[in-house]
PDB file of N, CA and C in Angstrom:
ATOM      1  N   MET A   1     196.388-118.495  82.328  1.00  0.00           N
ATOM      2  CA  MET A   1     195.343-117.624  81.818  1.00  0.00           C
ATOM      3  C   MET A   1     195.433-116.260  82.497  1.00  0.00           C
ATOM      4  N   LYS A   2     195.202-115.240  81.713  1.00  0.00           N
ATOM      5  CA  LYS A   2     195.176-113.869  82.211  1.00  0.00           C
ATOM      6  C   LYS A   2     193.741-113.376  82.265  1.00  0.00           C
ATOM      7  N   LYS A   3     193.438-112.528  83.229  1.00  0.00           N
ATOM      8  CA  LYS A   3     192.123-111.911  83.314  1.00  0.00           C
ATOM      9  C   LYS A   3     192.225-110.496  82.749  1.00  0.00           C
ATOM     10  N   ALA A   4     191.195-110.082  82.032  1.00  0.00           N
ATOM     11  CA  ALA A   4     191.195-108.748  81.461  1.00  0.00           C
ATOM     12  C   ALA A   4     189.830-108.075  81.704  1.00  0.00           C
ATOM     13  N   THR A   5     189.912-106.772  81.927  1.00  0.00           N
ATOM     14  CA  THR A   5     188.712-105.924  81.972  1.00  0.00           C
ATOM     15  C   THR A   5     188.935-104.832  80.944  1.00  0.00           C
ATOM     16  N   ILE A   6     188.012-104.729  79.998  1.00  0.00           N
ATOM     17  CA  ILE A   6     188.112-103.760  78.914  1.00  0.00           C
ATOM     18  C   ILE A   6     186.961-102.760  79.060  1.00  0.00           C
ATOM     19  N   GLN A   7     187.324-101.494  79.289  1.00  0.00           N
ATOM     20  CA  GLN A   7     186.304-100.447  79.395  1.00  0.00           C
ATOM     21  C   GLN A   7     186.028 -99.898  77.998  1.00  0.00           C
ATOM     22  N   LEU A   8     184.744 -99.860  77.658  1.00  0.00           N
ATOM     23  CA  LEU A   8     184.322 -99.419  76.326  1.00  0.00           C
ATOM     24  C   LEU A   8     183.622 -98.072  76.389  1.00  0.00           C
ATOM     25  N   GLU A   9     183.555 -97.426  75.241  1.00  0.00           N
ATOM     26  CA  GLU A   9     182.692 -96.290  75.069  1.00  0.00           C
ATOM     27  C   GLU A   9     181.262 -96.765  75.413  1.00  0.00           C
ATOM     28  N   THR A  10     180.404 -95.893  75.815  1.00  0.00           N
ATOM     29  CA  THR A  10     179.053 -96.287  76.246  1.00  0.00           C
ATOM     30  C   THR A  10     178.335 -97.138  75.187  1.00  0.00           C
ATOM     31  N   LEU A  11     177.840 -98.281  75.625  1.00  0.00           N
ATOM     32  CA  LEU A  11     177.048 -99.146  74.750  1.00  0.00           C
ATOM     33  C   LEU A  11     175.630 -98.597  74.697  1.00  0.00           C
ATOM     34  N   THR A  12     175.073 -98.524  73.495  1.00  0.00           N
ATOM     35  CA  THR A  12     173.769 -97.887  73.358  1.00  0.00           C
ATOM     36  C   THR A  12     172.604 -98.851  73.243  1.00  0.00           C
ATOM     37  N   CYS A  13     172.874-100.125  73.031  1.00  0.00           N
ATOM     38  CA  CYS A  13     171.763-101.056  72.882  1.00  0.00           C
ATOM     39  C   CYS A  13     172.202-102.486  73.199  1.00  0.00           C
ATOM     40  N   PRO A  14     171.264-103.357  73.559  1.00  0.00           N
ATOM     41  CA  PRO A  14     171.619-104.739  73.850  1.00  0.00           C
ATOM     42  C   PRO A  14     172.251-105.476  72.651  1.00  0.00           C
ATOM     43  N   SER A  15     171.869-105.104  71.429  1.00  0.00           N
ATOM     44  CA  SER A  15     172.453-105.792  70.289  1.00  0.00           C
ATOM     45  C   SER A  15     173.961-105.466  70.170  1.00  0.00           C
ATOM     46  N   CYS A  16     174.366-104.293  70.624  1.00  0.00           N
ATOM     47  CA  CYS A  16     175.801-103.945  70.653  1.00  0.00           C
ATOM     48  C   CYS A  16     176.530-104.927  71.570  1.00  0.00           C
ATOM     49  N   MET A  17     175.951-105.185  72.702  1.00  0.00           N
ATOM     50  CA  MET A  17     176.508-106.094  73.696  1.00  0.00           C
ATOM     51  C   MET A  17     176.660-107.502  73.071  1.00  0.00           C
ATOM     52  N   GLN A  18     175.634-107.925  72.340  1.00  0.00           N
ATOM     53  CA  GLN A  18     175.657-109.257  71.739  1.00  0.00           C
ATOM     54  C   GLN A  18     176.733-109.361  70.660  1.00  0.00           C
ATOM     55  N   LYS A  19     176.910-108.320  69.852  1.00  0.00           N
ATOM     56  CA  LYS A  19     177.926-108.311  68.803  1.00  0.00           C
ATOM     57  C   LYS A  19     179.308-108.459  69.402  1.00  0.00           C
ATOM     58  N   ILE A  20     179.581-107.704  70.473  1.00  0.00           N
ATOM     59  CA  ILE A  20     180.884-107.763  71.135  1.00  0.00           C
ATOM     60  C   ILE A  20     181.085-109.136  71.768  1.00  0.00           C
ATOM     61  N   ASP A  21     180.067-109.659  72.421  1.00  0.00           N
ATOM     62  CA  ASP A  21     180.131-110.968  73.043  1.00  0.00           C
ATOM     63  C   ASP A  21     180.505-112.043  72.013  1.00  0.00           C
ATOM     64  N   ASN A  22     179.838-112.032  70.882  1.00  0.00           N
ATOM     65  CA  ASN A  22     180.095-113.020  69.834  1.00  0.00           C
ATOM     66  C   ASN A  22     181.502-112.890  69.254  1.00  0.00           C
ATOM     67  N   ALA A  23     181.944-111.652  69.029  1.00  0.00           N
ATOM     68  CA  ALA A  23     183.259-111.422  68.459  1.00  0.00           C
ATOM     69  C   ALA A  23     184.357-111.879  69.389  1.00  0.00           C
ATOM     70  N   VAL A  24     184.236-111.561  70.666  1.00  0.00           N
ATOM     71  CA  VAL A  24     185.269-111.927  71.633  1.00  0.00           C
ATOM     72  C   VAL A  24     185.308-113.445  71.808  1.00  0.00           C
ATOM     73  N   LYS A  25     184.155-114.060  71.909  1.00  0.00           N
ATOM     74  CA  LYS A  25     184.105-115.504  72.076  1.00  0.00           C
ATOM     75  C   LYS A  25     184.651-116.264  70.867  1.00  0.00           C
ATOM     76  N   SER A  26     184.645-115.640  69.708  1.00  0.00           N
ATOM     77  CA  SER A  26     185.131-116.313  68.489  1.00  0.00           C
ATOM     78  C   SER A  26     186.653-116.324  68.396  1.00  0.00           C
ATOM     79  N   LEU A  27     187.343-115.569  69.236  1.00  0.00           N
ATOM     80  CA  LEU A  27     188.808-115.503  69.201  1.00  0.00           C
ATOM     81  C   LEU A  27     189.428-116.737  69.806  1.00  0.00           C
ATOM     82  N   ASP A  28     190.408-117.323  69.107  1.00  0.00           N
ATOM     83  CA  ASP A  28     191.133-118.475  69.620  1.00  0.00           C
ATOM     84  C   ASP A  28     192.006-118.025  70.758  1.00  0.00           C
ATOM     85  N   GLY A  29     191.833-118.646  71.923  1.00  0.00           N
ATOM     86  CA  GLY A  29     192.598-118.299  73.104  1.00  0.00           C
ATOM     87  C   GLY A  29     191.756-117.660  74.192  1.00  0.00           C
ATOM     88  N   VAL A  30     190.511-117.310  73.875  1.00  0.00           N
ATOM     89  CA  VAL A  30     189.608-116.745  74.880  1.00  0.00           C
ATOM     90  C   VAL A  30     188.834-117.894  75.529  1.00  0.00           C
ATOM     91  N   ASP A  31     188.768-117.873  76.857  1.00  0.00           N
ATOM     92  CA  ASP A  31     187.934-118.824  77.591  1.00  0.00           C
ATOM     93  C   ASP A  31     186.498-118.352  77.433  1.00  0.00           C
ATOM     94  N   LYS A  32     185.750-119.022  76.567  1.00  0.00           N
ATOM     95  CA  LYS A  32     184.398-118.580  76.212  1.00  0.00           C
ATOM     96  C   LYS A  32     183.455-118.508  77.405  1.00  0.00           C
ATOM     97  N   GLU A  33     183.658-119.393  78.374  1.00  0.00           N
ATOM     98  CA  GLU A  33     182.806-119.400  79.590  1.00  0.00           C
ATOM     99  C   GLU A  33     183.055-118.183  80.472  1.00  0.00           C
ATOM    100  N   SER A  34     184.210-117.536  80.298  1.00  0.00           N
ATOM    101  CA  SER A  34     184.543-116.425  81.184  1.00  0.00           C
ATOM    102  C   SER A  34     184.092-115.077  80.652  1.00  0.00           C
ATOM    103  N   VAL A  35     183.659-115.017  79.390  1.00  0.00           N
ATOM    104  CA  VAL A  35     183.306-113.740  78.765  1.00  0.00           C
ATOM    105  C   VAL A  35     182.014-113.186  79.388  1.00  0.00           C
ATOM    106  N   ASN A  36     182.084-111.947  79.847  1.00  0.00           N
ATOM    107  CA  ASN A  36     180.945-111.255  80.404  1.00  0.00           C
ATOM    108  C   ASN A  36     180.947-109.825  79.904  1.00  0.00           C
ATOM    109  N   VAL A  37     179.983-109.495  79.063  1.00  0.00           N
ATOM    110  CA  VAL A  37     179.848-108.122  78.560  1.00  0.00           C
ATOM    111  C   VAL A  37     178.742-107.456  79.361  1.00  0.00           C
ATOM    112  N   SER A  38     179.078-106.366  80.028  1.00  0.00           N
ATOM    113  CA  SER A  38     178.100-105.644  80.842  1.00  0.00           C
ATOM    114  C   SER A  38     177.604-104.434  80.096  1.00  0.00           C
ATOM    115  N   PHE A  39     176.322-104.460  79.775  1.00  0.00           N
ATOM    116  CA  PHE A  39     175.680-103.335  79.040  1.00  0.00           C
ATOM    117  C   PHE A  39     175.722-102.075  79.895  1.00  0.00           C
ATOM    118  N   ASN A  40     175.280-102.175  81.143  1.00  0.00           N
ATOM    119  CA  ASN A  40     175.195-100.990  82.002  1.00  0.00           C
ATOM    120  C   ASN A  40     176.551-100.377  82.316  1.00  0.00           C
ATOM    121  N   ALA A  41     177.579-101.180  82.527  1.00  0.00           N
ATOM    122  CA  ALA A  41     178.898-100.679  82.880  1.00  0.00           C
ATOM    123  C   ALA A  41     179.789-100.432  81.628  1.00  0.00           C
ATOM    124  N   SER A  42     179.333-100.882  80.475  1.00  0.00           N
ATOM    125  CA  SER A  42     180.116-100.771  79.231  1.00  0.00           C
ATOM    126  C   SER A  42     181.487-101.403  79.414  1.00  0.00           C
ATOM    127  N   LYS A  43     181.519-102.637  79.968  1.00  0.00           N
ATOM    128  CA  LYS A  43     182.781-103.339  80.200  1.00  0.00           C
ATOM    129  C   LYS A  43     182.682-104.748  79.687  1.00  0.00           C
ATOM    130  N   VAL A  44     183.864-105.265  79.315  1.00  0.00           N
ATOM    131  CA  VAL A  44     183.983-106.665  78.943  1.00  0.00           C
ATOM    132  C   VAL A  44     184.979-107.277  79.894  1.00  0.00           C
ATOM    133  N   LYS A  45     184.610-108.376  80.534  1.00  0.00           N
ATOM    134  CA  LYS A  45     185.511-109.103  81.411  1.00  0.00           C
ATOM    135  C   LYS A  45     185.692-110.483  80.795  1.00  0.00           C
ATOM    136  N   LEU A  46     186.934-110.983  80.815  1.00  0.00           N
ATOM    137  CA  LEU A  46     187.213-112.273  80.210  1.00  0.00           C
ATOM    138  C   LEU A  46     188.537-112.811  80.699  1.00  0.00           C
ATOM    139  N   GLU A  47     188.798-114.085  80.401  1.00  0.00           N
ATOM    140  CA  GLU A  47     190.077-114.692  80.621  1.00  0.00           C
ATOM    141  C   GLU A  47     190.586-115.185  79.267  1.00  0.00           C
ATOM    142  N   PHE A  48     191.932-115.047  79.068  1.00  0.00           N
ATOM    143  CA  PHE A  48     192.496-115.448  77.807  1.00  0.00           C
ATOM    144  C   PHE A  48     193.885-116.022  78.006  1.00  0.00           C
ATOM    145  N   ASP A  49     194.305-116.828  77.047  1.00  0.00           N
ATOM    146  CA  ASP A  49     195.613-117.445  77.049  1.00  0.00           C
ATOM    147  C   ASP A  49     196.584-116.519  76.314  1.00  0.00           C
ATOM    148  N   GLU A  50     197.471-115.863  77.058  1.00  0.00           N
ATOM    149  CA  GLU A  50     198.365-114.897  76.420  1.00  0.00           C
ATOM    150  C   GLU A  50     199.394-115.515  75.476  1.00  0.00           C
ATOM    151  N   GLU A  51     199.505-116.829  75.491  1.00  0.00           N
ATOM    152  CA  GLU A  51     200.398-117.501  74.532  1.00  0.00           C
ATOM    153  C   GLU A  51     199.751-117.611  73.150  1.00  0.00           C
ATOM    154  N   LYS A  52     198.421-117.500  73.128  1.00  0.00           N
ATOM    155  CA  LYS A  52     197.691-117.605  71.846  1.00  0.00           C
ATOM    156  C   LYS A  52     197.173-116.265  71.351  1.00  0.00           C
ATOM    157  N   LEU A  53     197.023-115.299  72.282  1.00  0.00           N
ATOM    158  CA  LEU A  53     196.296-114.089  71.979  1.00  0.00           C
ATOM    159  C   LEU A  53     196.796-112.927  72.856  1.00  0.00           C
ATOM    160  N   SER A  54     196.870-111.734  72.312  1.00  0.00           N
ATOM    161  CA  SER A  54     197.268-110.570  73.097  1.00  0.00           C
ATOM    162  C   SER A  54     196.040-109.709  73.399  1.00  0.00           C
ATOM    163  N   ILE A  55     196.176-108.872  74.410  1.00  0.00           N
ATOM    164  CA  ILE A  55     195.066-107.914  74.704  1.00  0.00           C
ATOM    165  C   ILE A  55     194.837-107.013  73.518  1.00  0.00           C
ATOM    166  N   GLY A  56     195.872-106.676  72.798  1.00  0.00           N
ATOM    167  CA  GLY A  56     195.732-105.805  71.622  1.00  0.00           C
ATOM    168  C   GLY A  56     194.871-106.469  70.530  1.00  0.00           C
ATOM    169  N   GLN A  57     195.011-107.776  70.362  1.00  0.00           N
ATOM    170  CA  GLN A  57     194.192-108.484  69.386  1.00  0.00           C
ATOM    171  C   GLN A  57     192.727-108.497  69.815  1.00  0.00           C
ATOM    172  N   ILE A  58     192.467-108.617  71.100  1.00  0.00           N
ATOM    173  CA  ILE A  58     191.097-108.572  71.606  1.00  0.00           C
ATOM    174  C   ILE A  58     190.529-107.173  71.376  1.00  0.00           C
ATOM    175  N   GLU A  59     191.290-106.156  71.711  1.00  0.00           N
ATOM    176  CA  GLU A  59     190.869-104.768  71.488  1.00  0.00           C
ATOM    177  C   GLU A  59     190.583-104.514  70.012  1.00  0.00           C
ATOM    178  N   ASN A  60     191.435-105.024  69.146  1.00  0.00           N
ATOM    179  CA  ASN A  60     191.258-104.839  67.690  1.00  0.00           C
ATOM    180  C   ASN A  60     189.963-105.490  67.198  1.00  0.00           C
ATOM    181  N   ALA A  61     189.611-106.647  67.726  1.00  0.00           N
ATOM    182  CA  ALA A  61     188.376-107.319  67.356  1.00  0.00           C
ATOM    183  C   ALA A  61     187.159-106.467  67.746  1.00  0.00           C
ATOM    184  N   ILE A  62     187.248-105.785  68.879  1.00  0.00           N
ATOM    185  CA  ILE A  62     186.156-104.909  69.342  1.00  0.00           C
ATOM    186  C   ILE A  62     186.091-103.635  68.488  1.00  0.00           C
ATOM    187  N   THR A  63     187.243-103.034  68.251  1.00  0.00           N
ATOM    188  CA  THR A  63     187.270-101.774  67.472  1.00  0.00           C
ATOM    189  C   THR A  63     186.873-102.012  66.015  1.00  0.00           C
ATOM    190  N   ALA A  64     187.134-103.225  65.502  1.00  0.00           N
ATOM    191  CA  ALA A  64     186.739-103.572  64.131  1.00  0.00           C
ATOM    192  C   ALA A  64     185.233-103.572  63.961  1.00  0.00           C
ATOM    193  N   LEU A  65     184.516-103.732  65.071  1.00  0.00           N
ATOM    194  CA  LEU A  65     183.042-103.676  65.047  1.00  0.00           C
ATOM    195  C   LEU A  65     182.532-102.261  65.124  1.00  0.00           C
ATOM    196  N   GLY A  66     183.441-101.294  65.369  1.00  0.00           N
ATOM    197  CA  GLY A  66     183.030 -99.898  65.451  1.00  0.00           C
ATOM    198  C   GLY A  66     182.885 -99.353  66.852  1.00  0.00           C
ATOM    199  N   TYR A  67     183.377-100.086  67.863  1.00  0.00           N
ATOM    200  CA  TYR A  67     183.269 -99.638  69.252  1.00  0.00           C
ATOM    201  C   TYR A  67     184.621 -99.148  69.741  1.00  0.00           C
ATOM    202  N   GLU A  68     184.626 -98.120  70.560  1.00  0.00           N
ATOM    203  CA  GLU A  68     185.870 -97.545  71.057  1.00  0.00           C
ATOM    204  C   GLU A  68     186.265 -98.171  72.383  1.00  0.00           C
ATOM    205  N   VAL A  69     187.501 -98.611  72.454  1.00  0.00           N
ATOM    206  CA  VAL A  69     188.066 -99.127  73.718  1.00  0.00           C
ATOM    207  C   VAL A  69     188.668 -97.943  74.460  1.00  0.00           C
ATOM    208  N   ILE A  70     188.217 -97.704  75.681  1.00  0.00           N
ATOM    209  CA  ILE A  70     188.735 -96.595  76.498  1.00  0.00           C
ATOM    210  C   ILE A  70     190.042 -96.993  77.157  1.00  0.00           C
ATOM    211  N   LYS A  71     190.013 -98.174  77.836  1.00  0.00           N
ATOM    212  CA  LYS A  71     191.243 -98.661  78.490  1.00  0.00           C
ATOM    213  C   LYS A  71     191.044-100.152  78.781  1.00  0.00           C
ATOM    214  N   SER A  72     192.166-100.803  78.968  1.00  0.00           N
ATOM    215  CA  SER A  72     192.184-102.234  79.318  1.00  0.00           C
ATOM    216  C   SER A  72     193.076-102.470  80.507  1.00  0.00           C
ATOM    217  N   GLN A  73     192.671-103.422  81.311  1.00  0.00           N
ATOM    218  CA  GLN A  73     193.478-103.820  82.475  1.00  0.00           C
ATOM    219  C   GLN A  73     193.631-105.328  82.437  1.00  0.00           C
ATOM    220  N   VAL A  74     194.885-105.798  82.503  1.00  0.00           N
ATOM    221  CA  VAL A  74     195.158-107.222  82.488  1.00  0.00           C
ATOM    222  C   VAL A  74     195.832-107.611  83.791  1.00  0.00           C
ATOM    223  N   THR A  75     195.346-108.686  84.412  1.00  0.00           N
ATOM    224  CA  THR A  75     195.942-109.141  85.656  1.00  0.00           C
ATOM    225  C   THR A  75     196.283-110.618  85.541  1.00  0.00           C
TER     226      THR A  75
END
């Protein structure tokens, strides 16, 4: 499993946070228990299986909702 931190454009409301949380958790390969969307920091932290999913696919799921990904870090 890889850990990722995704910096987003500023989140403006708690419902934005919930939309992103639901979208990321719905992706096959994401450890649903690890997903943490921080409203104040505008960040998503998660763990994912890189054999099933790429960071690009996670970013695409977020941008498809209309949110801008500033940068991602995978460790």
